[in-house]
Amino acid sequence: ADTFAIEFSGLRFVVRDSAGQERELMERGRSTRVTFERAKEFADLMLGMRLQEAKSQLEHLSAGLATVVSLDCLALWTWRYLEERVCGIAIVDVGLLKKYVRYDGIAAESPEVGFLWEVIEEMSQNDLRLFLHFVWGRSRLPPDGSPKWAEGFKVTSSSSGEQWLPTAHTCFFQLDLPAYTSKEVCKQRVQFA
């Protein structure tokens, strides 16, 4: 008890919440010292405050979700299923991206398209997310069959020379691909872009 009094002599029933705002844990908490005998009470009040501090925000989030989907239906889904439907799939599946690719003004069999897919297939998950962000403004793919695929991933021919970087149109999930003559050049330009 003596060591507690020395170490925590300035401790009162007041704390800072996650937003950095000072909150009294009890009436007149600023003036009430935490003693060894009341340490458990302080810990319980602190825990209660932490568990409840986001309650208002969560109620607003719940109310917003309820305008889109019945809250009873949410109980039918796992958190992962809901996350994938709202945010997309966390792991970037190159096979899924290939499934939804469309070519415009460029053949799927053209060398530069082959180089592009070789480069994409060798990318780490982090680089794949960066690539998606470059071409679509998002870092995740929607689930297979989702209407968010709309017209899919569009690869078009660019009239720019090999020395140019590819160009992206994030609103259209489109990549304008110059006619690169090697995988190495394609990799360098795509990763730099």
C-alpha atoms as a PDB file:
ATOM      1  CA  ALA A   1       0.000   0.000   0.000  1.00  0.00           C
ATOM      2  CA  ASP A   2       2.869   2.363   0.788  1.00  0.00           C
ATOM      3  CA  THR A   3       4.606   1.646  -2.531  1.00  0.00           C
ATOM      4  CA  PHE A   4       1.297   2.197  -4.357  1.00  0.00           C
ATOM      5  CA  ALA A   5       0.830   5.546  -2.602  1.00  0.00           C
ATOM      6  CA  ILE A   6       4.331   6.628  -3.630  1.00  0.00           C
ATOM      7  CA  GLU A   7       4.167   5.408  -7.251  1.00  0.00           C
ATOM      8  CA  PHE A   8       0.606   6.601  -7.959  1.00  0.00           C
ATOM      9  CA  SER A   9       0.322   9.625  -5.686  1.00  0.00           C
ATOM     10  CA  GLY A  10      -1.010  11.829  -8.503  1.00  0.00           C
ATOM     11  CA  LEU A  11      -3.522   9.313  -9.854  1.00  0.00           C
ATOM     12  CA  ARG A  12      -7.141  10.480  -9.768  1.00  0.00           C
ATOM     13  CA  PHE A  13     -10.403   9.000 -11.079  1.00  0.00           C
ATOM     14  CA  VAL A  14      -9.946  10.801 -14.375  1.00  0.00           C
ATOM     15  CA  VAL A  15      -8.429   9.471 -17.630  1.00  0.00           C
ATOM     16  CA  ARG A  16      -7.958  10.397 -21.264  1.00  0.00           C
ATOM     17  CA  ASP A  17     -10.113   8.488 -23.730  1.00  0.00           C
ATOM     18  CA  SER A  18      -9.013   7.315 -27.190  1.00  0.00           C
ATOM     19  CA  ALA A  19      -9.730  10.771 -28.601  1.00  0.00           C
ATOM     20  CA  GLY A  20      -7.464  12.344 -25.988  1.00  0.00           C
ATOM     21  CA  GLN A  21     -10.332  13.974 -24.096  1.00  0.00           C
ATOM     22  CA  GLU A  22     -10.251  13.951 -20.330  1.00  0.00           C
ATOM     23  CA  ARG A  23     -13.111  12.015 -18.751  1.00  0.00           C
ATOM     24  CA  GLU A  24     -14.054  11.644 -15.123  1.00  0.00           C
ATOM     25  CA  LEU A  25     -14.709   8.034 -14.194  1.00  0.00           C
ATOM     26  CA  MET A  26     -16.982   9.065 -11.338  1.00  0.00           C
ATOM     27  CA  GLU A  27     -18.547  12.184  -9.895  1.00  0.00           C
ATOM     28  CA  ARG A  28     -15.785  14.470  -8.567  1.00  0.00           C
ATOM     29  CA  GLY A  29     -13.214  12.124 -10.140  1.00  0.00           C
ATOM     30  CA  ARG A  30     -10.690  14.933 -10.664  1.00  0.00           C
ATOM     31  CA  SER A  31     -10.464  15.488  -6.940  1.00  0.00           C
ATOM     32  CA  THR A  32     -10.713  11.846  -5.815  1.00  0.00           C
ATOM     33  CA  ARG A  33      -7.371  10.100  -5.309  1.00  0.00           C
ATOM     34  CA  VAL A  34      -6.920   6.477  -6.308  1.00  0.00           C
ATOM     35  CA  THR A  35      -5.747   4.610  -3.229  1.00  0.00           C
ATOM     36  CA  PHE A  36      -4.524   1.050  -2.990  1.00  0.00           C
ATOM     37  CA  GLU A  37      -7.899   0.052  -1.548  1.00  0.00           C
ATOM     38  CA  ARG A  38      -9.741   1.661  -4.491  1.00  0.00           C
ATOM     39  CA  ALA A  39      -7.364   0.493  -7.259  1.00  0.00           C
ATOM     40  CA  LYS A  40      -9.721  -2.325  -8.358  1.00  0.00           C
ATOM     41  CA  GLU A  41     -12.616   0.134  -8.545  1.00  0.00           C
ATOM     42  CA  PHE A  42     -10.448   2.449 -10.697  1.00  0.00           C
ATOM     43  CA  ALA A  43      -9.505  -0.457 -12.991  1.00  0.00           C
ATOM     44  CA  ASP A  44     -13.153  -1.547 -13.351  1.00  0.00           C
ATOM     45  CA  LEU A  45     -14.309   2.007 -14.127  1.00  0.00           C
ATOM     46  CA  MET A  46     -11.467   2.468 -16.611  1.00  0.00           C
ATOM     47  CA  LEU A  47     -12.336  -0.806 -18.360  1.00  0.00           C
ATOM     48  CA  GLY A  48     -16.013   0.145 -18.495  1.00  0.00           C
ATOM     49  CA  MET A  49     -15.164   3.526 -20.016  1.00  0.00           C
ATOM     50  CA  ARG A  50     -12.934   1.928 -22.668  1.00  0.00           C
ATOM     51  CA  LEU A  51     -15.576  -0.644 -23.592  1.00  0.00           C
ATOM     52  CA  GLN A  52     -18.290   1.998 -23.899  1.00  0.00           C
ATOM     53  CA  GLU A  53     -16.423   4.974 -25.369  1.00  0.00           C
ATOM     54  CA  ALA A  54     -17.332   4.118 -28.985  1.00  0.00           C
ATOM     55  CA  LYS A  55     -20.933   3.181 -28.186  1.00  0.00           C
ATOM     56  CA  SER A  56     -22.425   6.306 -29.765  1.00  0.00           C
ATOM     57  CA  GLN A  57     -20.405   5.889 -32.974  1.00  0.00           C
ATOM     58  CA  LEU A  58     -21.342   2.214 -33.208  1.00  0.00           C
ATOM     59  CA  GLU A  59     -25.016   3.071 -32.759  1.00  0.00           C
ATOM     60  CA  HIS A  60     -24.767   5.543 -35.652  1.00  0.00           C
ATOM     61  CA  LEU A  61     -22.969   2.962 -37.783  1.00  0.00           C
ATOM     62  CA  SER A  62     -25.648   0.407 -36.970  1.00  0.00           C
ATOM     63  CA  ALA A  63     -28.408   2.876 -37.844  1.00  0.00           C
ATOM     64  CA  GLY A  64     -26.717   3.605 -41.181  1.00  0.00           C
ATOM     65  CA  LEU A  65     -26.343  -0.084 -41.999  1.00  0.00           C
ATOM     66  CA  ALA A  66     -29.998  -0.637 -41.102  1.00  0.00           C
ATOM     67  CA  THR A  67     -31.010   1.748 -43.908  1.00  0.00           C
ATOM     68  CA  VAL A  68     -29.344  -0.583 -46.415  1.00  0.00           C
ATOM     69  CA  VAL A  69     -29.867  -4.059 -44.969  1.00  0.00           C
ATOM     70  CA  SER A  70     -31.946  -5.489 -42.189  1.00  0.00           C
ATOM     71  CA  LEU A  71     -29.829  -5.873 -39.062  1.00  0.00           C
ATOM     72  CA  ASP A  72     -31.395  -9.301 -38.539  1.00  0.00           C
ATOM     73  CA  CYS A  73     -29.798 -10.374 -41.841  1.00  0.00           C
ATOM     74  CA  LEU A  74     -26.354  -9.285 -40.660  1.00  0.00           C
ATOM     75  CA  ALA A  75     -26.477 -12.019 -38.062  1.00  0.00           C
ATOM     76  CA  LEU A  76     -26.533 -14.545 -40.926  1.00  0.00           C
ATOM     77  CA  TRP A  77     -23.131 -13.424 -42.227  1.00  0.00           C
ATOM     78  CA  THR A  78     -19.680 -13.863 -40.767  1.00  0.00           C
ATOM     79  CA  TRP A  79     -17.560 -10.754 -40.327  1.00  0.00           C
ATOM     80  CA  ARG A  80     -15.289 -11.975 -43.152  1.00  0.00           C
ATOM     81  CA  TYR A  81     -18.193 -12.441 -45.595  1.00  0.00           C
ATOM     82  CA  LEU A  82     -19.496  -8.958 -44.790  1.00  0.00           C
ATOM     83  CA  GLU A  83     -16.008  -7.454 -45.140  1.00  0.00           C
ATOM     84  CA  GLU A  84     -15.546  -9.059 -48.564  1.00  0.00           C
ATOM     85  CA  ARG A  85     -18.919  -7.802 -49.791  1.00  0.00           C
ATOM     86  CA  VAL A  86     -18.305  -4.254 -48.586  1.00  0.00           C
ATOM     87  CA  CYS A  87     -14.527  -3.803 -48.962  1.00  0.00           C
ATOM     88  CA  GLY A  88     -13.512  -6.536 -51.388  1.00  0.00           C
ATOM     89  CA  ILE A  89     -11.289  -9.567 -50.983  1.00  0.00           C
ATOM     90  CA  ALA A  90      -8.127  -8.931 -48.960  1.00  0.00           C
ATOM     91  CA  ILE A  91      -5.999 -11.345 -51.034  1.00  0.00           C
ATOM     92  CA  VAL A  92      -5.598 -10.206 -54.647  1.00  0.00           C
ATOM     93  CA  ASP A  93      -6.377 -13.165 -56.902  1.00  0.00           C
ATOM     94  CA  VAL A  94      -4.675 -12.723 -60.283  1.00  0.00           C
ATOM     95  CA  GLY A  95      -6.869 -15.484 -61.736  1.00  0.00           C
ATOM     96  CA  LEU A  96      -9.964 -13.483 -60.807  1.00  0.00           C
ATOM     97  CA  LEU A  97      -8.474 -10.357 -62.394  1.00  0.00           C
ATOM     98  CA  LYS A  98      -7.771 -12.344 -65.573  1.00  0.00           C
ATOM     99  CA  LYS A  99     -11.354 -13.643 -65.581  1.00  0.00           C
ATOM    100  CA  TYR A 100     -12.719 -10.104 -65.801  1.00  0.00           C
ATOM    101  CA  VAL A 101     -10.187  -8.596 -68.223  1.00  0.00           C
ATOM    102  CA  ARG A 102     -11.314  -7.091 -71.528  1.00  0.00           C
ATOM    103  CA  TYR A 103      -9.035  -5.995 -74.337  1.00  0.00           C
ATOM    104  CA  ASP A 104      -9.721  -2.989 -76.555  1.00  0.00           C
ATOM    105  CA  GLY A 105      -7.505  -2.221 -79.523  1.00  0.00           C
ATOM    106  CA  ILE A 106      -5.005  -4.831 -78.392  1.00  0.00           C
ATOM    107  CA  ALA A 107      -5.008  -8.615 -78.749  1.00  0.00           C
ATOM    108  CA  ALA A 108      -4.875 -10.868 -75.705  1.00  0.00           C
ATOM    109  CA  GLU A 109      -2.076 -12.738 -77.507  1.00  0.00           C
ATOM    110  CA  SER A 110       0.085  -9.662 -78.140  1.00  0.00           C
ATOM    111  CA  PRO A 111       3.571  -9.778 -76.615  1.00  0.00           C
ATOM    112  CA  GLU A 112       3.055  -6.740 -74.367  1.00  0.00           C
ATOM    113  CA  VAL A 113      -0.087  -8.293 -72.848  1.00  0.00           C
ATOM    114  CA  GLY A 114       1.866 -11.489 -72.196  1.00  0.00           C
ATOM    115  CA  PHE A 115       4.628  -9.456 -70.528  1.00  0.00           C
ATOM    116  CA  LEU A 116       2.055  -7.612 -68.422  1.00  0.00           C
ATOM    117  CA  TRP A 117       0.522 -10.829 -67.089  1.00  0.00           C
ATOM    118  CA  GLU A 118       3.942 -12.335 -66.379  1.00  0.00           C
ATOM    119  CA  VAL A 119       4.843  -9.216 -64.383  1.00  0.00           C
ATOM    120  CA  ILE A 120       1.507  -9.216 -62.521  1.00  0.00           C
ATOM    121  CA  GLU A 121       1.782 -12.924 -61.686  1.00  0.00           C
ATOM    122  CA  GLU A 122       5.220 -12.360 -60.121  1.00  0.00           C
ATOM    123  CA  MET A 123       4.064  -9.449 -57.935  1.00  0.00           C
ATOM    124  CA  SER A 124       3.813  -9.724 -54.162  1.00  0.00           C
ATOM    125  CA  GLN A 125       0.423  -9.101 -52.556  1.00  0.00           C
ATOM    126  CA  ASN A 126       1.576  -5.627 -51.556  1.00  0.00           C
ATOM    127  CA  ASP A 127       2.636  -4.808 -55.135  1.00  0.00           C
ATOM    128  CA  LEU A 128      -0.649  -6.221 -56.453  1.00  0.00           C
ATOM    129  CA  ARG A 129      -2.577  -3.889 -54.136  1.00  0.00           C
ATOM    130  CA  LEU A 130      -0.461  -0.959 -55.352  1.00  0.00           C
ATOM    131  CA  PHE A 131      -1.112  -1.981 -58.964  1.00  0.00           C
ATOM    132  CA  LEU A 132      -4.864  -2.153 -58.329  1.00  0.00           C
ATOM    133  CA  HIS A 133      -4.743   1.237 -56.665  1.00  0.00           C
ATOM    134  CA  PHE A 134      -2.956   2.616 -59.733  1.00  0.00           C
ATOM    135  CA  VAL A 135      -5.451   1.235 -62.258  1.00  0.00           C
ATOM    136  CA  TRP A 136      -8.661   1.404 -60.211  1.00  0.00           C
ATOM    137  CA  GLY A 137      -8.162   3.583 -57.163  1.00  0.00           C
ATOM    138  CA  ARG A 138      -8.931   0.589 -54.918  1.00  0.00           C
ATOM    139  CA  SER A 139      -6.606  -1.919 -53.305  1.00  0.00           C
ATOM    140  CA  ARG A 140      -8.978  -4.899 -53.319  1.00  0.00           C
ATOM    141  CA  LEU A 141     -10.914  -6.826 -55.920  1.00  0.00           C
ATOM    142  CA  PRO A 142     -14.645  -7.377 -55.510  1.00  0.00           C
ATOM    143  CA  PRO A 143     -15.850 -10.963 -55.039  1.00  0.00           C
ATOM    144  CA  ASP A 144     -16.430 -13.084 -58.111  1.00  0.00           C
ATOM    145  CA  GLY A 145     -19.850 -12.348 -59.580  1.00  0.00           C
ATOM    146  CA  SER A 146     -20.209  -8.994 -57.838  1.00  0.00           C
ATOM    147  CA  PRO A 147     -21.881  -6.193 -59.802  1.00  0.00           C
ATOM    148  CA  LYS A 148     -18.898  -4.029 -58.783  1.00  0.00           C
ATOM    149  CA  TRP A 149     -16.979  -5.674 -61.621  1.00  0.00           C
ATOM    150  CA  ALA A 150     -19.226  -3.704 -64.001  1.00  0.00           C
ATOM    151  CA  GLU A 151     -17.319  -3.782 -67.282  1.00  0.00           C
ATOM    152  CA  GLY A 152     -14.248  -5.469 -65.815  1.00  0.00           C
ATOM    153  CA  PHE A 153     -10.562  -4.634 -66.073  1.00  0.00           C
ATOM    154  CA  LYS A 154      -9.902  -3.033 -69.435  1.00  0.00           C
ATOM    155  CA  VAL A 155      -6.496  -3.168 -71.122  1.00  0.00           C
ATOM    156  CA  THR A 156      -6.088  -0.958 -74.162  1.00  0.00           C
ATOM    157  CA  SER A 157      -3.283  -0.230 -76.563  1.00  0.00           C
ATOM    158  CA  SER A 158      -1.337   2.958 -76.018  1.00  0.00           C
ATOM    159  CA  SER A 159       0.198   4.858 -78.909  1.00  0.00           C
ATOM    160  CA  SER A 160       3.045   5.913 -76.604  1.00  0.00           C
ATOM    161  CA  GLY A 161       6.441   4.399 -77.251  1.00  0.00           C
ATOM    162  CA  GLU A 162       8.266   1.859 -75.154  1.00  0.00           C
ATOM    163  CA  GLN A 163      10.008   4.612 -73.191  1.00  0.00           C
ATOM    164  CA  TRP A 164       6.646   5.748 -71.744  1.00  0.00           C
ATOM    165  CA  LEU A 165       4.919   4.555 -68.612  1.00  0.00           C
ATOM    166  CA  PRO A 166       1.512   2.899 -68.824  1.00  0.00           C
ATOM    167  CA  THR A 167      -1.438   5.207 -68.195  1.00  0.00           C
ATOM    168  CA  ALA A 168      -4.379   4.375 -65.950  1.00  0.00           C
ATOM    169  CA  HIS A 169      -7.955   5.644 -65.881  1.00  0.00           C
ATOM    170  CA  THR A 170      -9.197   4.789 -62.398  1.00  0.00           C
ATOM    171  CA  CYS A 171     -12.816   5.720 -63.124  1.00  0.00           C
ATOM    172  CA  PHE A 172     -12.934   3.061 -65.837  1.00  0.00           C
ATOM    173  CA  PHE A 173     -10.563   0.446 -64.317  1.00  0.00           C
ATOM    174  CA  GLN A 174      -8.493   0.822 -67.472  1.00  0.00           C
ATOM    175  CA  LEU A 175      -4.806   0.477 -68.294  1.00  0.00           C
ATOM    176  CA  ASP A 176      -3.347   1.943 -71.497  1.00  0.00           C
ATOM    177  CA  LEU A 177      -0.389  -0.323 -72.242  1.00  0.00           C
ATOM    178  CA  PRO A 178       2.472   0.757 -74.534  1.00  0.00           C
ATOM    179  CA  ALA A 179       3.946  -1.876 -76.867  1.00  0.00           C
ATOM    180  CA  TYR A 180       6.789  -3.001 -74.619  1.00  0.00           C
ATOM    181  CA  THR A 181       9.313  -5.258 -76.330  1.00  0.00           C
ATOM    182  CA  SER A 182      10.469  -7.206 -73.271  1.00  0.00           C
ATOM    183  CA  LYS A 183       9.238  -8.407 -69.911  1.00  0.00           C
ATOM    184  CA  GLU A 184      12.031  -6.473 -68.172  1.00  0.00           C
ATOM    185  CA  VAL A 185      10.981  -3.156 -69.712  1.00  0.00           C
ATOM    186  CA  CYS A 186       7.329  -3.885 -68.934  1.00  0.00           C
ATOM    187  CA  LYS A 187       8.172  -4.745 -65.330  1.00  0.00           C
ATOM    188  CA  GLN A 188      10.259  -1.625 -64.847  1.00  0.00           C
ATOM    189  CA  ARG A 189       7.589   0.687 -66.308  1.00  0.00           C
ATOM    190  CA  VAL A 190       4.596  -0.946 -64.563  1.00  0.00           C
ATOM    191  CA  GLN A 191       6.302  -1.010 -61.169  1.00  0.00           C
ATOM    192  CA  PHE A 192       7.447   2.596 -61.509  1.00  0.00           C
ATOM    193  CA  ALA A 193       3.999   3.777 -62.562  1.00  0.00           C
END
